[in-house]
PDB file of all heavy atoms in Angstrom:
ATOM      1  N   PRO A   1      31.290  18.785 -18.128  1.00  0.00           N
ATOM      2  CA  PRO A   1      32.442  19.171 -18.906  1.00  0.00           C
ATOM      3  C   PRO A   1      32.671  18.192 -20.094  1.00  0.00           C
ATOM      4  O   PRO A   1      32.324  17.005 -20.060  1.00  0.00           O
ATOM      5  CB  PRO A   1      33.580  19.019 -17.892  1.00  0.00           C
ATOM      6  CG  PRO A   1      33.144  17.907 -16.944  1.00  0.00           C
ATOM      7  CD  PRO A   1      31.615  18.081 -16.842  1.00  0.00           C
ATOM      8  N   ALA A   2      33.257  18.759 -21.126  1.00  0.00           N
ATOM      9  CA  ALA A   2      33.757  17.916 -22.249  1.00  0.00           C
ATOM     10  C   ALA A   2      35.053  17.345 -21.685  1.00  0.00           C
ATOM     11  O   ALA A   2      35.946  18.045 -21.229  1.00  0.00           O
ATOM     12  CB  ALA A   2      34.049  18.765 -23.442  1.00  0.00           C
ATOM     13  N   CYS A   3      35.194  15.991 -21.735  1.00  0.00           N
ATOM     14  CA  CYS A   3      36.376  15.379 -21.227  1.00  0.00           C
ATOM     15  C   CYS A   3      36.527  13.927 -21.750  1.00  0.00           C
ATOM     16  O   CYS A   3      35.547  13.319 -22.089  1.00  0.00           O
ATOM     17  CB  CYS A   3      36.416  15.343 -19.679  1.00  0.00           C
ATOM     18  SG  CYS A   3      34.993  14.523 -18.897  1.00  0.00           S
ATOM     19  N   SER A   4      37.695  13.450 -21.780  1.00  0.00           N
ATOM     20  CA  SER A   4      38.074  12.097 -22.245  1.00  0.00           C
ATOM     21  C   SER A   4      39.298  11.657 -21.466  1.00  0.00           C
ATOM     22  O   SER A   4      40.149  12.466 -21.059  1.00  0.00           O
ATOM     23  CB  SER A   4      38.305  12.054 -23.743  1.00  0.00           C
ATOM     24  OG  SER A   4      37.195  12.569 -24.473  1.00  0.00           O
ATOM     25  N   PHE A   5      39.499  10.360 -21.447  1.00  0.00           N
ATOM     26  CA  PHE A   5      40.758   9.806 -20.954  1.00  0.00           C
ATOM     27  C   PHE A   5      41.844  10.011 -22.003  1.00  0.00           C
ATOM     28  O   PHE A   5      41.571   9.866 -23.251  1.00  0.00           O
ATOM     29  CB  PHE A   5      40.591   8.373 -20.544  1.00  0.00           C
ATOM     30  CG  PHE A   5      39.940   8.163 -19.197  1.00  0.00           C
ATOM     31  CD1 PHE A   5      38.509   8.132 -19.130  1.00  0.00           C
ATOM     32  CD2 PHE A   5      40.722   8.049 -18.085  1.00  0.00           C
ATOM     33  CE1 PHE A   5      37.937   7.988 -17.896  1.00  0.00           C
ATOM     34  CE2 PHE A   5      40.182   7.897 -16.834  1.00  0.00           C
ATOM     35  CZ  PHE A   5      38.700   7.899 -16.739  1.00  0.00           C
ATOM     36  N   LEU A   6      43.048  10.302 -21.537  1.00  0.00           N
ATOM     37  CA  LEU A   6      44.121  10.563 -22.509  1.00  0.00           C
ATOM     38  C   LEU A   6      44.376   9.464 -23.482  1.00  0.00           C
ATOM     39  O   LEU A   6      44.530   9.765 -24.711  1.00  0.00           O
ATOM     40  CB  LEU A   6      45.472  10.749 -21.703  1.00  0.00           C
ATOM     41  CG  LEU A   6      45.662  12.079 -21.008  1.00  0.00           C
ATOM     42  CD1 LEU A   6      46.789  11.954 -19.981  1.00  0.00           C
ATOM     43  CD2 LEU A   6      45.943  13.138 -21.994  1.00  0.00           C
ATOM     44  N   GLU A   7      44.315   8.173 -23.101  1.00  0.00           N
ATOM     45  CA  GLU A   7      44.554   7.107 -24.000  1.00  0.00           C
ATOM     46  C   GLU A   7      43.465   7.049 -25.082  1.00  0.00           C
ATOM     47  O   GLU A   7      43.746   6.738 -26.239  1.00  0.00           O
ATOM     48  CB  GLU A   7      44.589   5.764 -23.238  1.00  0.00           C
ATOM     49  CG  GLU A   7      45.727   5.657 -22.211  1.00  0.00           C
ATOM     50  CD  GLU A   7      45.292   6.205 -20.813  1.00  0.00           C
ATOM     51  OE1 GLU A   7      44.190   6.807 -20.736  1.00  0.00           O
ATOM     52  OE2 GLU A   7      46.038   5.987 -19.893  1.00  0.00           O
ATOM     53  N   ASP A   8      42.259   7.278 -24.721  1.00  0.00           N
ATOM     54  CA  ASP A   8      41.133   7.281 -25.639  1.00  0.00           C
ATOM     55  C   ASP A   8      41.291   8.435 -26.638  1.00  0.00           C
ATOM     56  O   ASP A   8      41.044   8.234 -27.860  1.00  0.00           O
ATOM     57  CB  ASP A   8      39.776   7.318 -24.915  1.00  0.00           C
ATOM     58  CG  ASP A   8      39.533   6.176 -24.010  1.00  0.00           C
ATOM     59  OD1 ASP A   8      40.113   5.046 -24.285  1.00  0.00           O
ATOM     60  OD2 ASP A   8      38.776   6.276 -23.087  1.00  0.00           O
ATOM     61  N   THR A   9      41.629   9.588 -26.161  1.00  0.00           N
ATOM     62  CA  THR A   9      41.767  10.756 -27.023  1.00  0.00           C
ATOM     63  C   THR A   9      42.912  10.452 -28.076  1.00  0.00           C
ATOM     64  O   THR A   9      42.732  10.712 -29.240  1.00  0.00           O
ATOM     65  CB  THR A   9      42.143  11.998 -26.268  1.00  0.00           C
ATOM     66  OG1 THR A   9      41.053  12.323 -25.415  1.00  0.00           O
ATOM     67  CG2 THR A   9      42.451  13.230 -27.162  1.00  0.00           C
ATOM     68  N   ALA A  10      44.040   9.851 -27.545  1.00  0.00           N
ATOM     69  CA  ALA A  10      45.147   9.605 -28.514  1.00  0.00           C
ATOM     70  C   ALA A  10      44.680   8.623 -29.587  1.00  0.00           C
ATOM     71  O   ALA A  10      45.085   8.804 -30.747  1.00  0.00           O
ATOM     72  CB  ALA A  10      46.326   8.965 -27.698  1.00  0.00           C
ATOM     73  N   ALA A  11      43.907   7.561 -29.275  1.00  0.00           N
ATOM     74  CA  ALA A  11      43.485   6.640 -30.226  1.00  0.00           C
ATOM     75  C   ALA A  11      42.577   7.324 -31.273  1.00  0.00           C
ATOM     76  O   ALA A  11      42.642   7.080 -32.484  1.00  0.00           O
ATOM     77  CB  ALA A  11      42.753   5.459 -29.553  1.00  0.00           C
ATOM     78  N   VAL A  12      41.653   8.171 -30.774  1.00  0.00           N
ATOM     79  CA  VAL A  12      40.762   8.905 -31.697  1.00  0.00           C
ATOM     80  C   VAL A  12      41.521   9.817 -32.645  1.00  0.00           C
ATOM     81  O   VAL A  12      41.291   9.920 -33.822  1.00  0.00           O
ATOM     82  CB  VAL A  12      39.665   9.681 -30.886  1.00  0.00           C
ATOM     83  CG1 VAL A  12      38.890  10.599 -31.773  1.00  0.00           C
ATOM     84  CG2 VAL A  12      38.766   8.764 -30.200  1.00  0.00           C
ATOM     85  N   LEU A  13      42.514  10.595 -32.068  1.00  0.00           N
ATOM     86  CA  LEU A  13      43.312  11.460 -32.888  1.00  0.00           C
ATOM     87  C   LEU A  13      44.113  10.665 -33.934  1.00  0.00           C
ATOM     88  O   LEU A  13      44.150  11.114 -35.084  1.00  0.00           O
ATOM     89  CB  LEU A  13      44.298  12.261 -31.975  1.00  0.00           C
ATOM     90  CG  LEU A  13      43.675  13.256 -31.050  1.00  0.00           C
ATOM     91  CD1 LEU A  13      44.691  13.916 -30.129  1.00  0.00           C
ATOM     92  CD2 LEU A  13      42.780  14.290 -31.770  1.00  0.00           C
ATOM     93  N   TYR A  14      44.591   9.546 -33.584  1.00  0.00           N
ATOM     94  CA  TYR A  14      45.327   8.749 -34.587  1.00  0.00           C
ATOM     95  C   TYR A  14      44.350   8.369 -35.736  1.00  0.00           C
ATOM     96  O   TYR A  14      44.750   8.398 -36.912  1.00  0.00           O
ATOM     97  CB  TYR A  14      45.890   7.452 -33.876  1.00  0.00           C
ATOM     98  CG  TYR A  14      46.774   6.621 -34.727  1.00  0.00           C
ATOM     99  CD1 TYR A  14      48.062   6.892 -34.965  1.00  0.00           C
ATOM    100  CD2 TYR A  14      46.200   5.477 -35.340  1.00  0.00           C
ATOM    101  CE1 TYR A  14      48.866   6.116 -35.770  1.00  0.00           C
ATOM    102  CE2 TYR A  14      47.010   4.656 -36.146  1.00  0.00           C
ATOM    103  CZ  TYR A  14      48.305   4.988 -36.348  1.00  0.00           C
ATOM    104  OH  TYR A  14      49.077   4.239 -37.173  1.00  0.00           O
ATOM    105  N   ARG A  15      43.155   7.927 -35.377  1.00  0.00           N
ATOM    106  CA  ARG A  15      42.205   7.517 -36.401  1.00  0.00           C
ATOM    107  C   ARG A  15      41.823   8.726 -37.282  1.00  0.00           C
ATOM    108  O   ARG A  15      41.692   8.600 -38.511  1.00  0.00           O
ATOM    109  CB  ARG A  15      40.936   6.890 -35.824  1.00  0.00           C
ATOM    110  CG  ARG A  15      41.108   5.460 -35.478  1.00  0.00           C
ATOM    111  CD  ARG A  15      39.778   4.769 -35.162  1.00  0.00           C
ATOM    112  NE  ARG A  15      38.824   5.455 -34.378  1.00  0.00           N
ATOM    113  CZ  ARG A  15      38.770   5.468 -33.040  1.00  0.00           C
ATOM    114  NH1 ARG A  15      39.624   4.712 -32.311  1.00  0.00           N
ATOM    115  NH2 ARG A  15      37.900   6.180 -32.383  1.00  0.00           N
ATOM    116  N   LEU A  16      41.552   9.856 -36.623  1.00  0.00           N
ATOM    117  CA  LEU A  16      41.175  11.042 -37.434  1.00  0.00           C
ATOM    118  C   LEU A  16      42.284  11.404 -38.418  1.00  0.00           C
ATOM    119  O   LEU A  16      42.013  11.751 -39.479  1.00  0.00           O
ATOM    120  CB  LEU A  16      40.886  12.250 -36.437  1.00  0.00           C
ATOM    121  CG  LEU A  16      39.576  12.170 -35.710  1.00  0.00           C
ATOM    122  CD1 LEU A  16      39.491  13.330 -34.713  1.00  0.00           C
ATOM    123  CD2 LEU A  16      38.405  12.219 -36.686  1.00  0.00           C
ATOM    124  N   ARG A  17      43.533  11.383 -37.907  1.00  0.00           N
ATOM    125  CA  ARG A  17      44.623  11.741 -38.838  1.00  0.00           C
ATOM    126  C   ARG A  17      44.700  10.842 -40.009  1.00  0.00           C
ATOM    127  O   ARG A  17      44.936  11.329 -41.173  1.00  0.00           O
ATOM    128  CB  ARG A  17      45.954  11.647 -38.060  1.00  0.00           C
ATOM    129  CG  ARG A  17      47.124  12.175 -38.895  1.00  0.00           C
ATOM    130  CD  ARG A  17      48.418  11.576 -38.451  1.00  0.00           C
ATOM    131  NE  ARG A  17      48.437  10.197 -38.663  1.00  0.00           N
ATOM    132  CZ  ARG A  17      49.418   9.340 -38.323  1.00  0.00           C
ATOM    133  NH1 ARG A  17      50.421   9.784 -37.680  1.00  0.00           N
ATOM    134  NH2 ARG A  17      49.360   8.051 -38.557  1.00  0.00           N
ATOM    135  N   ASP A  18      44.418   9.610 -39.842  1.00  0.00           N
ATOM    136  CA  ASP A  18      44.564   8.627 -40.985  1.00  0.00           C
ATOM    137  C   ASP A  18      43.287   8.498 -41.827  1.00  0.00           C
ATOM    138  O   ASP A  18      43.353   8.146 -43.015  1.00  0.00           O
ATOM    139  CB  ASP A  18      44.915   7.252 -40.468  1.00  0.00           C
ATOM    140  CG  ASP A  18      46.355   7.175 -40.036  1.00  0.00           C
ATOM    141  OD1 ASP A  18      47.099   8.078 -40.277  1.00  0.00           O
ATOM    142  OD2 ASP A  18      46.720   6.122 -39.420  1.00  0.00           O
ATOM    143  N   GLU A  19      42.070   8.765 -41.239  1.00  0.00           N
ATOM    144  CA  GLU A  19      40.868   8.417 -41.931  1.00  0.00           C
ATOM    145  C   GLU A  19      39.908   9.582 -42.168  1.00  0.00           C
ATOM    146  O   GLU A  19      38.989   9.438 -43.012  1.00  0.00           O
ATOM    147  CB  GLU A  19      40.095   7.360 -41.097  1.00  0.00           C
ATOM    148  CG  GLU A  19      40.938   6.125 -40.873  1.00  0.00           C
ATOM    149  CD  GLU A  19      40.299   5.145 -39.857  1.00  0.00           C
ATOM    150  OE1 GLU A  19      39.140   5.449 -39.360  1.00  0.00           O
ATOM    151  OE2 GLU A  19      40.957   4.179 -39.450  1.00  0.00           O
ATOM    152  N   ALA A  20      40.040  10.687 -41.482  1.00  0.00           N
ATOM    153  CA  ALA A  20      38.998  11.748 -41.587  1.00  0.00           C
ATOM    154  C   ALA A  20      39.287  12.657 -42.804  1.00  0.00           C
ATOM    155  O   ALA A  20      40.374  12.930 -43.186  1.00  0.00           O
ATOM    156  CB  ALA A  20      39.045  12.602 -40.279  1.00  0.00           C
ATOM    157  N   ALA A  21      38.139  13.187 -43.320  1.00  0.00           N
ATOM    158  CA  ALA A  21      38.230  14.211 -44.340  1.00  0.00           C
ATOM    159  C   ALA A  21      38.675  15.507 -43.702  1.00  0.00           C
ATOM    160  O   ALA A  21      38.525  15.698 -42.485  1.00  0.00           O
ATOM    161  CB  ALA A  21      36.908  14.358 -45.037  1.00  0.00           C
ATOM    162  N   PRO A  22      39.212  16.418 -44.453  1.00  0.00           N
ATOM    163  CA  PRO A  22      39.559  17.672 -43.904  1.00  0.00           C
ATOM    164  C   PRO A  22      38.355  18.374 -43.195  1.00  0.00           C
ATOM    165  O   PRO A  22      37.207  18.262 -43.610  1.00  0.00           O
ATOM    166  CB  PRO A  22      39.950  18.575 -45.116  1.00  0.00           C
ATOM    167  CG  PRO A  22      40.361  17.572 -46.118  1.00  0.00           C
ATOM    168  CD  PRO A  22      39.475  16.378 -45.916  1.00  0.00           C
ATOM    169  N   GLY A  23      38.644  19.071 -42.130  1.00  0.00           N
ATOM    170  CA  GLY A  23      37.594  19.768 -41.348  1.00  0.00           C
ATOM    171  C   GLY A  23      37.731  19.768 -39.910  1.00  0.00           C
ATOM    172  O   GLY A  23      38.836  19.353 -39.403  1.00  0.00           O
ATOM    173  N   ILE A  24      36.793  20.200 -39.164  1.00  0.00           N
ATOM    174  CA  ILE A  24      36.803  20.277 -37.717  1.00  0.00           C
ATOM    175  C   ILE A  24      35.937  19.155 -37.129  1.00  0.00           C
ATOM    176  O   ILE A  24      34.799  18.922 -37.526  1.00  0.00           O
ATOM    177  CB  ILE A  24      36.280  21.652 -37.257  1.00  0.00           C
ATOM    178  CG1 ILE A  24      37.223  22.737 -37.781  1.00  0.00           C
ATOM    179  CG2 ILE A  24      36.121  21.731 -35.737  1.00  0.00           C
ATOM    180  CD1 ILE A  24      36.738  24.152 -37.498  1.00  0.00           C
ATOM    181  N   TYR A  25      36.575  18.469 -36.073  1.00  0.00           N
ATOM    182  CA  TYR A  25      35.910  17.400 -35.449  1.00  0.00           C
ATOM    183  C   TYR A  25      35.869  17.634 -33.917  1.00  0.00           C
ATOM    184  O   TYR A  25      36.813  18.266 -33.414  1.00  0.00           O
ATOM    185  CB  TYR A  25      36.577  16.067 -35.722  1.00  0.00           C
ATOM    186  CG  TYR A  25      36.541  15.730 -37.233  1.00  0.00           C
ATOM    187  CD1 TYR A  25      37.458  16.251 -38.147  1.00  0.00           C
ATOM    188  CD2 TYR A  25      35.539  14.859 -37.672  1.00  0.00           C
ATOM    189  CE1 TYR A  25      37.406  15.972 -39.506  1.00  0.00           C
ATOM    190  CE2 TYR A  25      35.487  14.538 -39.022  1.00  0.00           C
ATOM    191  CZ  TYR A  25      36.353  15.099 -39.884  1.00  0.00           C
ATOM    192  OH  TYR A  25      36.306  14.793 -41.243  1.00  0.00           O
ATOM    193  N   LEU A  26      34.870  17.119 -33.277  1.00  0.00           N
ATOM    194  CA  LEU A  26      34.715  17.232 -31.826  1.00  0.00           C
ATOM    195  C   LEU A  26      35.007  15.925 -31.175  1.00  0.00           C
ATOM    196  O   LEU A  26      34.383  14.943 -31.476  1.00  0.00           O
ATOM    197  CB  LEU A  26      33.347  17.799 -31.455  1.00  0.00           C
ATOM    198  CG  LEU A  26      32.861  18.975 -32.220  1.00  0.00           C
ATOM    199  CD1 LEU A  26      31.445  19.367 -31.746  1.00  0.00           C
ATOM    200  CD2 LEU A  26      33.788  20.144 -32.073  1.00  0.00           C
ATOM    201  N   VAL A  27      35.911  15.897 -30.172  1.00  0.00           N
ATOM    202  CA  VAL A  27      36.320  14.674 -29.512  1.00  0.00           C
ATOM    203  C   VAL A  27      35.975  14.766 -28.035  1.00  0.00           C
ATOM    204  O   VAL A  27      36.665  15.605 -27.290  1.00  0.00           O
ATOM    205  CB  VAL A  27      37.774  14.416 -29.735  1.00  0.00           C
ATOM    206  CG1 VAL A  27      38.173  13.051 -29.016  1.00  0.00           C
ATOM    207  CG2 VAL A  27      38.136  14.364 -31.181  1.00  0.00           C
ATOM    208  N   ASP A  28      35.000  14.038 -27.587  1.00  0.00           N
ATOM    209  CA  ASP A  28      34.504  14.155 -26.178  1.00  0.00           C
ATOM    210  C   ASP A  28      33.972  12.786 -25.749  1.00  0.00           C
ATOM    211  O   ASP A  28      33.087  12.220 -26.454  1.00  0.00           O
ATOM    212  CB  ASP A  28      33.487  15.236 -26.049  1.00  0.00           C
ATOM    213  CG  ASP A  28      32.953  15.379 -24.642  1.00  0.00           C
ATOM    214  OD1 ASP A  28      33.553  14.835 -23.709  1.00  0.00           O
ATOM    215  OD2 ASP A  28      31.993  16.104 -24.485  1.00  0.00           O
ATOM    216  N   GLY A  29      34.373  12.279 -24.601  1.00  0.00           N
ATOM    217  CA  GLY A  29      33.863  10.958 -24.160  1.00  0.00           C
ATOM    218  C   GLY A  29      32.795  11.076 -23.050  1.00  0.00           C
ATOM    219  O   GLY A  29      32.327  10.053 -22.600  1.00  0.00           O
ATOM    220  N   ASN A  30      32.473  12.360 -22.692  1.00  0.00           N
ATOM    221  CA  ASN A  30      31.442  12.458 -21.677  1.00  0.00           C
ATOM    222  C   ASN A  30      30.066  12.619 -22.266  1.00  0.00           C
ATOM    223  O   ASN A  30      29.729  13.627 -22.876  1.00  0.00           O
ATOM    224  CB  ASN A  30      31.701  13.728 -20.790  1.00  0.00           C
ATOM    225  CG  ASN A  30      30.738  13.841 -19.611  1.00  0.00           C
ATOM    226  OD1 ASN A  30      30.029  12.858 -19.284  1.00  0.00           O
ATOM    227  ND2 ASN A  30      30.741  15.004 -19.053  1.00  0.00           N
ATOM    228  N   ARG A  31      29.257  11.611 -22.061  1.00  0.00           N
ATOM    229  CA  ARG A  31      27.940  11.610 -22.703  1.00  0.00           C
ATOM    230  C   ARG A  31      26.885  12.253 -21.750  1.00  0.00           C
ATOM    231  O   ARG A  31      25.963  12.900 -22.250  1.00  0.00           O
ATOM    232  CB  ARG A  31      27.534  10.229 -23.049  1.00  0.00           C
ATOM    233  CG  ARG A  31      28.560   9.629 -24.136  1.00  0.00           C
ATOM    234  CD  ARG A  31      27.960   8.638 -25.023  1.00  0.00           C
ATOM    235  NE  ARG A  31      28.897   8.427 -26.088  1.00  0.00           N
ATOM    236  CZ  ARG A  31      29.558   7.268 -26.197  1.00  0.00           C
ATOM    237  NH1 ARG A  31      29.330   6.254 -25.359  1.00  0.00           N
ATOM    238  NH2 ARG A  31      30.427   7.141 -27.223  1.00  0.00           N
ATOM    239  N   HIS A  32      26.992  12.064 -20.435  1.00  0.00           N
ATOM    240  CA  HIS A  32      25.909  12.546 -19.525  1.00  0.00           C
ATOM    241  C   HIS A  32      26.363  12.812 -18.099  1.00  0.00           C
ATOM    242  O   HIS A  32      25.504  13.099 -17.295  1.00  0.00           O
ATOM    243  CB  HIS A  32      24.758  11.616 -19.554  1.00  0.00           C
ATOM    244  CG  HIS A  32      25.103  10.247 -19.039  1.00  0.00           C
ATOM    245  ND1 HIS A  32      25.107  10.030 -17.673  1.00  0.00           N
ATOM    246  CD2 HIS A  32      25.439   9.140 -19.634  1.00  0.00           C
ATOM    247  CE1 HIS A  32      25.443   8.714 -17.501  1.00  0.00           C
ATOM    248  NE2 HIS A  32      25.650   8.192 -18.678  1.00  0.00           N
ATOM    249  N   LEU A  33      27.627  12.694 -17.764  1.00  0.00           N
ATOM    250  CA  LEU A  33      28.035  12.795 -16.346  1.00  0.00           C
ATOM    251  C   LEU A  33      28.387  14.226 -15.959  1.00  0.00           C
ATOM    252  O   LEU A  33      29.025  14.995 -16.684  1.00  0.00           O
ATOM    253  CB  LEU A  33      29.313  11.906 -16.118  1.00  0.00           C
ATOM    254  CG  LEU A  33      29.146  10.378 -16.311  1.00  0.00           C
ATOM    255  CD1 LEU A  33      30.414   9.688 -16.109  1.00  0.00           C
ATOM    256  CD2 LEU A  33      27.973   9.856 -15.324  1.00  0.00           C
TER     257      LEU A  33
END
């Protein structure tokens, strides 16, 4: 499954809001489990 811990997702969303160019981004912390 695509999944992440809530705290990690919140930090990524905060960075994306402030630093990312317009567009669609994928946020997932599961690399192989």
